[in-house]
PDB file of N, CA and C in Angstrom:
ATOM      1  N   UNK A   1     104.389  99.381 104.375  1.00  0.00           N
ATOM      2  CA  UNK A   1     105.486  98.381 104.905  1.00  0.00           C
ATOM      3  C   UNK A   1     105.652  98.555 106.487  1.00  0.00           C
ATOM      4  N   UNK A   2     106.181  97.615 106.912  1.00  0.00           N
ATOM      5  CA  UNK A   2     106.330  97.845 108.528  1.00  0.00           C
ATOM      6  C   UNK A   2     107.633  97.317 108.873  1.00  0.00           C
ATOM      7  N   UNK A   3     108.433  97.955 109.719  1.00  0.00           N
ATOM      8  CA  UNK A   3     109.560  97.834 110.326  1.00  0.00           C
ATOM      9  C   UNK A   3     109.638  96.869 111.584  1.00  0.00           C
ATOM     10  N   UNK A   4     110.591  96.014 111.910  1.00  0.00           N
ATOM     11  CA  UNK A   4     110.634  95.420 113.056  1.00  0.00           C
ATOM     12  C   UNK A   4     112.171  95.103 113.340  1.00  0.00           C
ATOM     13  N   UNK A   5     112.591  94.618 114.519  1.00  0.00           N
ATOM     14  CA  UNK A   5     113.965  94.185 114.799  1.00  0.00           C
ATOM     15  C   UNK A   5     114.554  93.298 113.799  1.00  0.00           C
ATOM     16  N   UNK A   6     113.826  92.435 113.417  1.00  0.00           N
ATOM     17  CA  UNK A   6     114.291  91.261 112.563  1.00  0.00           C
ATOM     18  C   UNK A   6     114.411  91.708 110.966  1.00  0.00           C
ATOM     19  N   UNK A   7     113.831  92.867 110.625  1.00  0.00           N
ATOM     20  CA  UNK A   7     113.754  93.332 109.311  1.00  0.00           C
ATOM     21  C   UNK A   7     112.564  94.037 108.861  1.00  0.00           C
ATOM     22  N   UNK A   8     112.103  94.003 107.699  1.00  0.00           N
ATOM     23  CA  UNK A   8     110.990  94.833 107.269  1.00  0.00           C
ATOM     24  C   UNK A   8     109.974  93.809 106.559  1.00  0.00           C
ATOM     25  N   UNK A   9     108.633  94.022 106.752  1.00  0.00           N
ATOM     26  CA  UNK A   9     107.646  93.428 106.267  1.00  0.00           C
ATOM     27  C   UNK A   9     106.799  94.189 105.403  1.00  0.00           C
ATOM     28  N   UNK A  10     106.755  93.783 104.104  1.00  0.00           N
ATOM     29  CA  UNK A  10     105.797  94.662 103.053  1.00  0.00           C
ATOM     30  C   UNK A  10     104.628  93.850 102.941  1.00  0.00           C
ATOM     31  N   UNK A  11     103.445  94.489 103.272  1.00  0.00           N
ATOM     32  CA  UNK A  11     102.105  93.886 103.173  1.00  0.00           C
ATOM     33  C   UNK A  11     101.080  94.755 102.362  1.00  0.00           C
ATOM     34  N   UNK A  12     100.115  93.933 101.919  1.00  0.00           N
ATOM     35  CA  UNK A  12      99.236  94.689 100.930  1.00  0.00           C
ATOM     36  C   UNK A  12      98.071  93.896 100.540  1.00  0.00           C
ATOM     37  N   UNK A  13      97.357  94.356  99.381  1.00  0.00           N
ATOM     38  CA  UNK A  13      96.483  93.653  98.841  1.00  0.00           C
ATOM     39  C   UNK A  13      96.449  94.058  97.348  1.00  0.00           C
ATOM     40  N   UNK A  14      96.721  92.889  96.368  1.00  0.00           N
ATOM     41  CA  UNK A  14      96.672  93.197  94.918  1.00  0.00           C
ATOM     42  C   UNK A  14      95.293  92.686  94.441  1.00  0.00           C
ATOM     43  N   UNK A  15      94.914  93.201  93.357  1.00  0.00           N
ATOM     44  CA  UNK A  15      93.625  92.788  92.677  1.00  0.00           C
ATOM     45  C   UNK A  15      94.185  91.989  91.503  1.00  0.00           C
ATOM     46  N   UNK A  16      93.619  90.684  91.342  1.00  0.00           N
ATOM     47  CA  UNK A  16      94.034  89.967  90.274  1.00  0.00           C
ATOM     48  C   UNK A  16      92.663  89.666  89.391  1.00  0.00           C
ATOM     49  N   UNK A  17      92.701  89.777  88.163  1.00  0.00           N
ATOM     50  CA  UNK A  17      91.554  89.726  87.264  1.00  0.00           C
ATOM     51  C   UNK A  17      91.796  88.697  86.051  1.00  0.00           C
ATOM     52  N   UNK A  18      90.871  87.810  85.713  1.00  0.00           N
ATOM     53  CA  UNK A  18      90.991  86.809  84.649  1.00  0.00           C
ATOM     54  C   UNK A  18      89.776  87.227  83.662  1.00  0.00           C
ATOM     55  N   UNK A  19      90.347  87.713  82.636  1.00  0.00           N
ATOM     56  CA  UNK A  19      89.351  88.147  81.578  1.00  0.00           C
ATOM     57  C   UNK A  19      89.166  86.993  80.419  1.00  0.00           C
ATOM     58  N   UNK A  20      89.525  85.882  80.880  1.00  0.00           N
ATOM     59  CA  UNK A  20      89.325  84.630  79.979  1.00  0.00           C
ATOM     60  C   UNK A  20      88.109  83.799  80.335  1.00  0.00           C
ATOM     61  N   UNK A  21      87.610  83.174  79.279  1.00  0.00           N
ATOM     62  CA  UNK A  21      86.530  82.329  79.597  1.00  0.00           C
ATOM     63  C   UNK A  21      86.840  80.933  80.292  1.00  0.00           C
ATOM     64  N   UNK A  22      88.231  80.879  80.540  1.00  0.00           N
ATOM     65  CA  UNK A  22      88.701  79.482  81.188  1.00  0.00           C
ATOM     66  C   UNK A  22      88.972  79.974  82.733  1.00  0.00           C
ATOM     67  N   UNK A  23      89.084  79.203  83.726  1.00  0.00           N
ATOM     68  CA  UNK A  23      89.567  79.464  85.029  1.00  0.00           C
ATOM     69  C   UNK A  23      91.133  79.533  84.877  1.00  0.00           C
ATOM     70  N   UNK A  24      91.661  80.361  85.777  1.00  0.00           N
ATOM     71  CA  UNK A  24      93.253  80.322  85.779  1.00  0.00           C
ATOM     72  C   UNK A  24      93.560  80.092  87.318  1.00  0.00           C
ATOM     73  N   UNK A  25      94.745  79.882  87.740  1.00  0.00           N
ATOM     74  CA  UNK A  25      95.296  79.579  89.092  1.00  0.00           C
ATOM     75  C   UNK A  25      96.599  80.360  89.363  1.00  0.00           C
ATOM     76  N   UNK A  26      96.627  81.124  90.413  1.00  0.00           N
ATOM     77  CA  UNK A  26      97.920  81.565  90.800  1.00  0.00           C
ATOM     78  C   UNK A  26      98.709  80.512  91.478  1.00  0.00           C
ATOM     79  N   UNK A  27     100.173  80.454  90.979  1.00  0.00           N
ATOM     80  CA  UNK A  27     100.584  79.173  91.524  1.00  0.00           C
ATOM     81  C   UNK A  27     101.979  79.711  92.326  1.00  0.00           C
ATOM     82  N   UNK A  28     102.377  80.970  92.096  1.00  0.00           N
ATOM     83  CA  UNK A  28     103.622  81.433  92.905  1.00  0.00           C
ATOM     84  C   UNK A  28     103.585  83.102  92.828  1.00  0.00           C
ATOM     85  N   UNK A  29     104.205  83.285  93.622  1.00  0.00           N
ATOM     86  CA  UNK A  29     104.487  84.912  94.016  1.00  0.00           C
ATOM     87  C   UNK A  29     105.819  85.164  93.987  1.00  0.00           C
ATOM     88  N   UNK A  30     106.523  86.265  93.579  1.00  0.00           N
ATOM     89  CA  UNK A  30     107.957  86.578  93.836  1.00  0.00           C
ATOM     90  C   UNK A  30     107.839  88.115  94.242  1.00  0.00           C
ATOM     91  N   UNK A  31     108.754  88.506  95.065  1.00  0.00           N
ATOM     92  CA  UNK A  31     108.845  89.815  95.526  1.00  0.00           C
ATOM     93  C   UNK A  31     110.294  90.395  95.304  1.00  0.00           C
ATOM     94  N   UNK A  32     110.396  91.518  94.933  1.00  0.00           N
ATOM     95  CA  UNK A  32     111.862  92.345  95.078  1.00  0.00           C
ATOM     96  C   UNK A  32     111.874  93.676  95.478  1.00  0.00           C
ATOM     97  N   UNK A  33     112.747  94.204  95.898  1.00  0.00           N
ATOM     98  CA  UNK A  33     112.815  95.549  96.384  1.00  0.00           C
ATOM     99  C   UNK A  33     114.165  96.192  95.990  1.00  0.00           C
ATOM    100  N   UNK A  34     113.986  97.416  95.602  1.00  0.00           N
ATOM    101  CA  UNK A  34     115.319  98.242  95.236  1.00  0.00           C
ATOM    102  C   UNK A  34     116.013  98.804  96.437  1.00  0.00           C
ATOM    103  N   UNK A  35     117.350  98.655  96.732  1.00  0.00           N
ATOM    104  CA  UNK A  35     118.129  98.992  97.913  1.00  0.00           C
ATOM    105  C   UNK A  35     118.477 100.345  97.587  1.00  0.00           C
ATOM    106  N   UNK A  36     119.225 100.891  98.457  1.00  0.00           N
ATOM    107  CA  UNK A  36     119.636 102.269  98.223  1.00  0.00           C
ATOM    108  C   UNK A  36     120.623 102.610  97.107  1.00  0.00           C
ATOM    109  N   UNK A  37     121.228 101.580  96.722  1.00  0.00           N
ATOM    110  CA  UNK A  37     122.246 101.667  95.405  1.00  0.00           C
ATOM    111  C   UNK A  37     121.583 101.518  94.097  1.00  0.00           C
ATOM    112  N   UNK A  38     120.307 101.151  94.292  1.00  0.00           N
ATOM    113  CA  UNK A  38     119.495 100.805  92.854  1.00  0.00           C
ATOM    114  C   UNK A  38     119.422  99.465  92.595  1.00  0.00           C
ATOM    115  N   UNK A  39     119.970  98.387  93.518  1.00  0.00           N
ATOM    116  CA  UNK A  39     120.281  97.029  93.004  1.00  0.00           C
ATOM    117  C   UNK A  39     118.765  96.302  93.555  1.00  0.00           C
ATOM    118  N   UNK A  40     118.290  95.363  92.618  1.00  0.00           N
ATOM    119  CA  UNK A  40     117.232  94.680  93.109  1.00  0.00           C
ATOM    120  C   UNK A  40     117.456  93.710  93.966  1.00  0.00           C
ATOM    121  N   UNK A  41     116.819  93.536  95.092  1.00  0.00           N
ATOM    122  CA  UNK A  41     116.965  92.203  96.125  1.00  0.00           C
ATOM    123  C   UNK A  41     115.928  91.512  96.276  1.00  0.00           C
ATOM    124  N   UNK A  42     115.979  90.203  96.143  1.00  0.00           N
ATOM    125  CA  UNK A  42     114.912  89.295  96.372  1.00  0.00           C
ATOM    126  C   UNK A  42     114.440  89.305  97.952  1.00  0.00           C
ATOM    127  N   UNK A  43     113.011  89.459  98.006  1.00  0.00           N
ATOM    128  CA  UNK A  43     112.525  89.442  99.439  1.00  0.00           C
ATOM    129  C   UNK A  43     111.833  88.031  99.678  1.00  0.00           C
ATOM    130  N   UNK A  44     112.009  87.340 100.849  1.00  0.00           N
ATOM    131  CA  UNK A  44     111.389  86.349 101.312  1.00  0.00           C
ATOM    132  C   UNK A  44     109.994  86.342 101.358  1.00  0.00           C
ATOM    133  N   UNK A  45     109.408  85.353 100.601  1.00  0.00           N
ATOM    134  CA  UNK A  45     107.957  85.150 100.598  1.00  0.00           C
ATOM    135  C   UNK A  45     107.509  83.618 100.552  1.00  0.00           C
ATOM    136  N   UNK A  46     106.434  83.419 101.294  1.00  0.00           N
ATOM    137  CA  UNK A  46     105.893  82.112 101.386  1.00  0.00           C
ATOM    138  C   UNK A  46     104.420  82.425 101.635  1.00  0.00           C
ATOM    139  N   UNK A  47     103.718  81.187 101.796  1.00  0.00           N
ATOM    140  CA  UNK A  47     102.242  81.347 102.219  1.00  0.00           C
ATOM    141  C   UNK A  47     102.291  81.683 103.780  1.00  0.00           C
ATOM    142  N   UNK A  48     101.621  82.693 104.088  1.00  0.00           N
ATOM    143  CA  UNK A  48     101.557  83.278 105.443  1.00  0.00           C
ATOM    144  C   UNK A  48     100.211  83.145 106.026  1.00  0.00           C
ATOM    145  N   UNK A  49     100.023  82.530 107.266  1.00  0.00           N
ATOM    146  CA  UNK A  49      98.652  82.557 107.899  1.00  0.00           C
ATOM    147  C   UNK A  49      98.744  83.448 109.193  1.00  0.00           C
ATOM    148  N   UNK A  50      97.913  84.659 109.199  1.00  0.00           N
ATOM    149  CA  UNK A  50      97.815  85.402 110.417  1.00  0.00           C
ATOM    150  C   UNK A  50      96.470  85.377 111.024  1.00  0.00           C
ATOM    151  N   UNK A  51      96.379  85.342 112.422  1.00  0.00           N
ATOM    152  CA  UNK A  51      95.250  85.063 112.996  1.00  0.00           C
ATOM    153  C   UNK A  51      95.205  86.252 113.938  1.00  0.00           C
ATOM    154  N   UNK A  52      94.145  87.220 114.058  1.00  0.00           N
ATOM    155  CA  UNK A  52      93.734  88.232 114.842  1.00  0.00           C
ATOM    156  C   UNK A  52      92.385  87.956 115.471  1.00  0.00           C
ATOM    157  N   UNK A  53      92.472  87.502 116.619  1.00  0.00           N
ATOM    158  CA  UNK A  53      91.079  86.958 117.523  1.00  0.00           C
ATOM    159  C   UNK A  53      90.474  85.997 116.588  1.00  0.00           C
ATOM    160  N   UNK A  54      89.394  86.174 115.986  1.00  0.00           N
ATOM    161  CA  UNK A  54      88.511  85.174 115.083  1.00  0.00           C
ATOM    162  C   UNK A  54      88.898  85.220 113.842  1.00  0.00           C
ATOM    163  N   UNK A  55      89.558  86.191 113.234  1.00  0.00           N
ATOM    164  CA  UNK A  55      89.923  86.620 111.847  1.00  0.00           C
ATOM    165  C   UNK A  55      91.108  85.926 111.449  1.00  0.00           C
ATOM    166  N   UNK A  56      91.162  85.032 110.258  1.00  0.00           N
ATOM    167  CA  UNK A  56      92.365  84.608 109.865  1.00  0.00           C
ATOM    168  C   UNK A  56      92.452  85.083 108.365  1.00  0.00           C
ATOM    169  N   UNK A  57      93.897  85.687 108.218  1.00  0.00           N
ATOM    170  CA  UNK A  57      94.190  86.180 106.849  1.00  0.00           C
ATOM    171  C   UNK A  57      95.262  85.212 106.153  1.00  0.00           C
ATOM    172  N   UNK A  58      95.005  84.842 104.972  1.00  0.00           N
ATOM    173  CA  UNK A  58      96.142  84.005 104.353  1.00  0.00           C
ATOM    174  C   UNK A  58      96.644  84.914 103.154  1.00  0.00           C
ATOM    175  N   UNK A  59      97.923  85.049 103.371  1.00  0.00           N
ATOM    176  CA  UNK A  59      98.767  85.985 102.376  1.00  0.00           C
ATOM    177  C   UNK A  59      99.513  85.077 101.497  1.00  0.00           C
ATOM    178  N   UNK A  60      99.726  85.475 100.190  1.00  0.00           N
ATOM    179  CA  UNK A  60     100.499  84.589  99.210  1.00  0.00           C
ATOM    180  C   UNK A  60      99.828  83.313  99.135  1.00  0.00           C
ATOM    181  N   UNK A  61      98.355  83.047  99.044  1.00  0.00           N
ATOM    182  CA  UNK A  61      97.765  81.799  98.826  1.00  0.00           C
ATOM    183  C   UNK A  61      98.042  81.384  97.429  1.00  0.00           C
ATOM    184  N   UNK A  62      98.406  79.982  97.590  1.00  0.00           N
ATOM    185  CA  UNK A  62      98.504  79.169  96.421  1.00  0.00           C
ATOM    186  C   UNK A  62      98.063  77.723  96.740  1.00  0.00           C
ATOM    187  N   UNK A  63      97.569  76.942  95.824  1.00  0.00           N
ATOM    188  CA  UNK A  63      97.104  77.561  94.507  1.00  0.00           C
ATOM    189  C   UNK A  63      95.772  78.356  94.808  1.00  0.00           C
ATOM    190  N   UNK A  64      95.674  79.360  94.219  1.00  0.00           N
ATOM    191  CA  UNK A  64      94.438  80.210  94.220  1.00  0.00           C
ATOM    192  C   UNK A  64      93.774  80.514  92.858  1.00  0.00           C
ATOM    193  N   UNK A  65      92.630  79.662  92.801  1.00  0.00           N
ATOM    194  CA  UNK A  65      91.649  79.605  91.647  1.00  0.00           C
ATOM    195  C   UNK A  65      90.981  81.022  91.467  1.00  0.00           C
ATOM    196  N   UNK A  66      91.059  81.524  90.084  1.00  0.00           N
ATOM    197  CA  UNK A  66      90.268  82.623  89.701  1.00  0.00           C
ATOM    198  C   UNK A  66      89.363  82.089  88.682  1.00  0.00           C
ATOM    199  N   UNK A  67      88.011  82.254  88.905  1.00  0.00           N
ATOM    200  CA  UNK A  67      87.076  81.908  87.895  1.00  0.00           C
ATOM    201  C   UNK A  67      87.060  82.661  86.677  1.00  0.00           C
ATOM    202  N   UNK A  68      86.500  82.227  85.718  1.00  0.00           N
ATOM    203  CA  UNK A  68      86.555  83.163  84.320  1.00  0.00           C
ATOM    204  C   UNK A  68      85.695  84.244  84.489  1.00  0.00           C
ATOM    205  N   UNK A  69      86.194  85.294  83.853  1.00  0.00           N
ATOM    206  CA  UNK A  69      85.465  86.745  83.838  1.00  0.00           C
ATOM    207  C   UNK A  69      85.161  87.146  85.172  1.00  0.00           C
ATOM    208  N   UNK A  70      86.426  87.115  86.080  1.00  0.00           N
ATOM    209  CA  UNK A  70      86.158  87.476  87.313  1.00  0.00           C
ATOM    210  C   UNK A  70      87.445  87.938  87.950  1.00  0.00           C
ATOM    211  N   UNK A  71      87.557  88.389  89.141  1.00  0.00           N
ATOM    212  CA  UNK A  71      88.640  88.946  89.853  1.00  0.00           C
ATOM    213  C   UNK A  71      88.460  88.517  91.384  1.00  0.00           C
ATOM    214  N   UNK A  72      89.723  88.798  92.012  1.00  0.00           N
ATOM    215  CA  UNK A  72      89.851  88.511  93.333  1.00  0.00           C
ATOM    216  C   UNK A  72      90.880  89.348  93.912  1.00  0.00           C
ATOM    217  N   UNK A  73      90.641  89.982  95.234  1.00  0.00           N
ATOM    218  CA  UNK A  73      91.615  90.700  96.100  1.00  0.00           C
ATOM    219  C   UNK A  73      92.487  89.555  96.864  1.00  0.00           C
ATOM    220  N   UNK A  74      93.764  89.804  96.701  1.00  0.00           N
ATOM    221  CA  UNK A  74      94.777  88.898  97.076  1.00  0.00           C
ATOM    222  C   UNK A  74      95.614  89.560  98.279  1.00  0.00           C
ATOM    223  N   UNK A  75      95.472  89.158  99.359  1.00  0.00           N
ATOM    224  CA  UNK A  75      96.611  89.693 100.428  1.00  0.00           C
ATOM    225  C   UNK A  75      97.855  88.969 100.250  1.00  0.00           C
ATOM    226  N   UNK A  76      99.030  89.935 100.260  1.00  0.00           N
ATOM    227  CA  UNK A  76     100.222  89.772  99.946  1.00  0.00           C
ATOM    228  C   UNK A  76     101.120  89.946 101.240  1.00  0.00           C
ATOM    229  N   UNK A  77     102.453  89.451 101.229  1.00  0.00           N
ATOM    230  CA  UNK A  77     103.255  89.845 102.239  1.00  0.00           C
ATOM    231  C   UNK A  77     104.648  89.333 101.868  1.00  0.00           C
ATOM    232  N   UNK A  78     105.722  90.046 102.126  1.00  0.00           N
ATOM    233  CA  UNK A  78     107.093  89.655 101.963  1.00  0.00           C
ATOM    234  C   UNK A  78     107.887  90.206 102.989  1.00  0.00           C
ATOM    235  N   UNK A  79     109.177  89.623 103.309  1.00  0.00           N
ATOM    236  CA  UNK A  79     110.082  90.194 104.202  1.00  0.00           C
ATOM    237  C   UNK A  79     111.448  90.493 103.655  1.00  0.00           C
ATOM    238  N   UNK A  80     111.925  91.496 104.206  1.00  0.00           N
ATOM    239  CA  UNK A  80     113.395  91.967 103.708  1.00  0.00           C
ATOM    240  C   UNK A  80     114.245  91.760 104.891  1.00  0.00           C
ATOM    241  N   UNK A  81     115.394  91.151 104.787  1.00  0.00           N
ATOM    242  CA  UNK A  81     116.205  90.969 106.111  1.00  0.00           C
ATOM    243  C   UNK A  81     117.468  92.065 106.267  1.00  0.00           C
ATOM    244  N   UNK A  82     117.152  92.975 105.277  1.00  0.00           N
ATOM    245  CA  UNK A  82     118.017  94.261 105.317  1.00  0.00           C
ATOM    246  C   UNK A  82     116.970  95.430 105.427  1.00  0.00           C
ATOM    247  N   UNK A  83     117.718  96.623 106.028  1.00  0.00           N
ATOM    248  CA  UNK A  83     116.739  97.795 105.882  1.00  0.00           C
ATOM    249  C   UNK A  83     116.748  98.462 104.601  1.00  0.00           C
ATOM    250  N   UNK A  84     115.391  98.741 104.304  1.00  0.00           N
ATOM    251  CA  UNK A  84     114.960  99.330 102.954  1.00  0.00           C
ATOM    252  C   UNK A  84     114.982 100.853 103.137  1.00  0.00           C
ATOM    253  N   UNK A  85     115.145 101.525 101.934  1.00  0.00           N
ATOM    254  CA  UNK A  85     114.950 102.903 102.208  1.00  0.00           C
ATOM    255  C   UNK A  85     113.517 103.344 102.587  1.00  0.00           C
ATOM    256  N   UNK A  86     113.471 104.595 102.964  1.00  0.00           N
ATOM    257  CA  UNK A  86     112.164 105.096 103.256  1.00  0.00           C
ATOM    258  C   UNK A  86     111.013 105.040 102.107  1.00  0.00           C
ATOM    259  N   UNK A  87     111.638 105.553 100.947  1.00  0.00           N
ATOM    260  CA  UNK A  87     111.005 105.589  99.687  1.00  0.00           C
ATOM    261  C   UNK A  87     111.569 104.422  98.861  1.00  0.00           C
ATOM    262  N   UNK A  88     110.841 103.355  98.685  1.00  0.00           N
ATOM    263  CA  UNK A  88     111.211 102.137  98.166  1.00  0.00           C
ATOM    264  C   UNK A  88     110.362 101.552  96.916  1.00  0.00           C
ATOM    265  N   UNK A  89     111.022 101.140  96.091  1.00  0.00           N
ATOM    266  CA  UNK A  89     110.334 100.525  94.961  1.00  0.00           C
ATOM    267  C   UNK A  89     110.185  98.963  95.158  1.00  0.00           C
ATOM    268  N   UNK A  90     109.011  98.555  95.158  1.00  0.00           N
ATOM    269  CA  UNK A  90     108.660  97.100  95.373  1.00  0.00           C
ATOM    270  C   UNK A  90     108.163  96.402  94.047  1.00  0.00           C
ATOM    271  N   UNK A  91     108.558  95.404  93.588  1.00  0.00           N
ATOM    272  CA  UNK A  91     108.088  94.520  92.583  1.00  0.00           C
ATOM    273  C   UNK A  91     107.440  93.262  93.177  1.00  0.00           C
ATOM    274  N   UNK A  92     106.196  93.110  92.580  1.00  0.00           N
ATOM    275  CA  UNK A  92     105.483  91.905  92.686  1.00  0.00           C
ATOM    276  C   UNK A  92     105.122  91.179  91.608  1.00  0.00           C
ATOM    277  N   UNK A  93     105.651  89.868  91.444  1.00  0.00           N
ATOM    278  CA  UNK A  93     105.185  89.125  90.244  1.00  0.00           C
ATOM    279  C   UNK A  93     104.380  87.774  90.718  1.00  0.00           C
ATOM    280  N   UNK A  94     103.461  87.630  89.951  1.00  0.00           N
ATOM    281  CA  UNK A  94     102.514  86.595  90.005  1.00  0.00           C
ATOM    282  C   UNK A  94     102.616  85.692  88.794  1.00  0.00           C
ATOM    283  N   UNK A  95     102.873  84.232  89.101  1.00  0.00           N
ATOM    284  CA  UNK A  95     102.854  83.253  88.120  1.00  0.00           C
ATOM    285  C   UNK A  95     101.519  82.549  88.114  1.00  0.00           C
ATOM    286  N   UNK A  96     101.117  82.336  86.918  1.00  0.00           N
ATOM    287  CA  UNK A  96      99.803  81.370  86.840  1.00  0.00           C
ATOM    288  C   UNK A  96     100.140  80.127  86.579  1.00  0.00           C
ATOM    289  N   UNK A  97      99.300  79.262  86.322  1.00  0.00           N
ATOM    290  CA  UNK A  97      99.417  77.765  86.126  1.00  0.00           C
ATOM    291  C   UNK A  97      99.962  77.570  84.758  1.00  0.00           C
ATOM    292  N   UNK A  98      99.892  78.411  83.808  1.00  0.00           N
ATOM    293  CA  UNK A  98     100.495  78.343  82.456  1.00  0.00           C
ATOM    294  C   UNK A  98     101.765  78.958  82.311  1.00  0.00           C
ATOM    295  N   UNK A  99     102.400  79.190  83.419  1.00  0.00           N
ATOM    296  CA  UNK A  99     103.680  79.688  83.695  1.00  0.00           C
ATOM    297  C   UNK A  99     103.971  81.220  83.265  1.00  0.00           C
ATOM    298  N   UNK A 100     102.752  81.690  82.924  1.00  0.00           N
ATOM    299  CA  UNK A 100     102.769  83.241  82.323  1.00  0.00           C
ATOM    300  C   UNK A 100     103.132  84.051  83.822  1.00  0.00           C
ATOM    301  N   UNK A 101     103.858  84.981  83.535  1.00  0.00           N
ATOM    302  CA  UNK A 101     104.200  85.905  84.801  1.00  0.00           C
ATOM    303  C   UNK A 101     103.712  87.460  84.523  1.00  0.00           C
ATOM    304  N   UNK A 102     103.177  88.076  85.609  1.00  0.00           N
ATOM    305  CA  UNK A 102     102.617  89.370  85.535  1.00  0.00           C
ATOM    306  C   UNK A 102     103.220  90.063  86.622  1.00  0.00           C
ATOM    307  N   UNK A 103     103.861  91.312  86.497  1.00  0.00           N
ATOM    308  CA  UNK A 103     104.421  92.010  87.269  1.00  0.00           C
ATOM    309  C   UNK A 103     103.975  93.437  87.563  1.00  0.00           C
ATOM    310  N   UNK A 104     104.060  93.866  88.710  1.00  0.00           N
ATOM    311  CA  UNK A 104     103.489  95.216  89.140  1.00  0.00           C
ATOM    312  C   UNK A 104     104.573  95.854  90.036  1.00  0.00           C
ATOM    313  N   UNK A 105     105.011  97.187  89.634  1.00  0.00           N
ATOM    314  CA  UNK A 105     105.979  97.861  90.389  1.00  0.00           C
ATOM    315  C   UNK A 105     105.285  98.900  91.106  1.00  0.00           C
ATOM    316  N   UNK A 106     105.567  98.925  92.449  1.00  0.00           N
ATOM    317  CA  UNK A 106     104.951  99.701  93.353  1.00  0.00           C
ATOM    318  C   UNK A 106     106.091 100.881  94.206  1.00  0.00           C
ATOM    319  N   UNK A 107     105.963 102.058  94.171  1.00  0.00           N
ATOM    320  CA  UNK A 107     106.711 103.040  95.029  1.00  0.00           C
ATOM    321  C   UNK A 107     105.866 103.130  96.288  1.00  0.00           C
ATOM    322  N   UNK A 108     106.705 102.674  97.319  1.00  0.00           N
ATOM    323  CA  UNK A 108     106.035 102.844  98.747  1.00  0.00           C
ATOM    324  C   UNK A 108     106.826 103.997  99.274  1.00  0.00           C
ATOM    325  N   UNK A 109     106.025 104.955 100.019  1.00  0.00           N
ATOM    326  CA  UNK A 109     106.957 106.144 100.780  1.00  0.00           C
ATOM    327  C   UNK A 109     105.884 107.497 100.618  1.00  0.00           C
ATOM    328  N   UNK A 110     106.513 108.174 100.007  1.00  0.00           N
ATOM    329  CA  UNK A 110     105.821 109.630 100.082  1.00  0.00           C
ATOM    330  C   UNK A 110     105.003 109.830  98.714  1.00  0.00           C
ATOM    331  N   UNK A 111     105.181 109.026  97.721  1.00  0.00           N
ATOM    332  CA  UNK A 111     104.331 109.027  96.695  1.00  0.00           C
ATOM    333  C   UNK A 111     103.923 107.529  96.224  1.00  0.00           C
ATOM    334  N   UNK A 112     102.834 107.265  95.401  1.00  0.00           N
ATOM    335  CA  UNK A 112     102.381 105.937  94.916  1.00  0.00           C
ATOM    336  C   UNK A 112     102.442 106.134  93.349  1.00  0.00           C
ATOM    337  N   UNK A 113     103.100 105.145  92.865  1.00  0.00           N
ATOM    338  CA  UNK A 113     103.324 105.173  91.232  1.00  0.00           C
ATOM    339  C   UNK A 113     103.044 103.560  90.981  1.00  0.00           C
ATOM    340  N   UNK A 114     102.058 103.283  90.461  1.00  0.00           N
ATOM    341  CA  UNK A 114     101.808 101.735  90.123  1.00  0.00           C
ATOM    342  C   UNK A 114     101.874 101.602  88.600  1.00  0.00           C
ATOM    343  N   UNK A 115     102.810 100.585  88.131  1.00  0.00           N
ATOM    344  CA  UNK A 115     102.891 100.400  86.883  1.00  0.00           C
ATOM    345  C   UNK A 115     102.833  98.677  86.779  1.00  0.00           C
ATOM    346  N   UNK A 116     101.936  98.405  85.955  1.00  0.00           N
ATOM    347  CA  UNK A 116     101.565  96.826  85.678  1.00  0.00           C
ATOM    348  C   UNK A 116     102.076  96.367  84.277  1.00  0.00           C
ATOM    349  N   UNK A 117     102.894  95.334  84.236  1.00  0.00           N
ATOM    350  CA  UNK A 117     103.441  94.801  82.991  1.00  0.00           C
ATOM    351  C   UNK A 117     103.291  93.320  83.033  1.00  0.00           C
ATOM    352  N   UNK A 118     102.927  92.854  81.784  1.00  0.00           N
ATOM    353  CA  UNK A 118     102.576  91.373  81.714  1.00  0.00           C
ATOM    354  C   UNK A 118     103.821  90.983  80.839  1.00  0.00           C
ATOM    355  N   UNK A 119     104.420  89.936  81.476  1.00  0.00           N
ATOM    356  CA  UNK A 119     105.617  89.320  80.756  1.00  0.00           C
ATOM    357  C   UNK A 119     105.152  87.892  79.888  1.00  0.00           C
ATOM    358  N   UNK A 120     103.917  87.919  79.508  1.00  0.00           N
ATOM    359  CA  UNK A 120     103.309  86.901  78.554  1.00  0.00           C
ATOM    360  C   UNK A 120     103.948  86.869  77.245  1.00  0.00           C
TER     361      UNK A 120
END
C-alpha cells in the first residue's frame, strides 16, 4: 500500500478463477480495512484508469467477463481517507453477476496471511 498527503492507497492484483462451464462476470468490488481499534472501515473504490507512458492499467474493472474454466489477474485499488496502521488487515470482496460474494482477507505489513472465504 502507498501513503500520500490525501490518505492511503491500497493497490494489488488478485487472481479470480471460474471453475464453471458457464462464463461469469465480476460486477462489483468492495474493500475494507481494520483501523487501530479493530473496527472495519469501508475504503473508497471505483473503476480507476492509470496511464504511465504508453501503458494503461485499469483497476477494479467492471463488468469483467471470466470465461468458463479459466482465470484472470485483476488489478485492484482502494483509498483510505484516514491513516491506517503499519500492519493492516485489508478485506477485498468481489461480487459476481449472480450476486454471489467472494472475500479475501489480507494482512499487509511485516507478514502476509491470505484467507479466502466464499459467501455463496
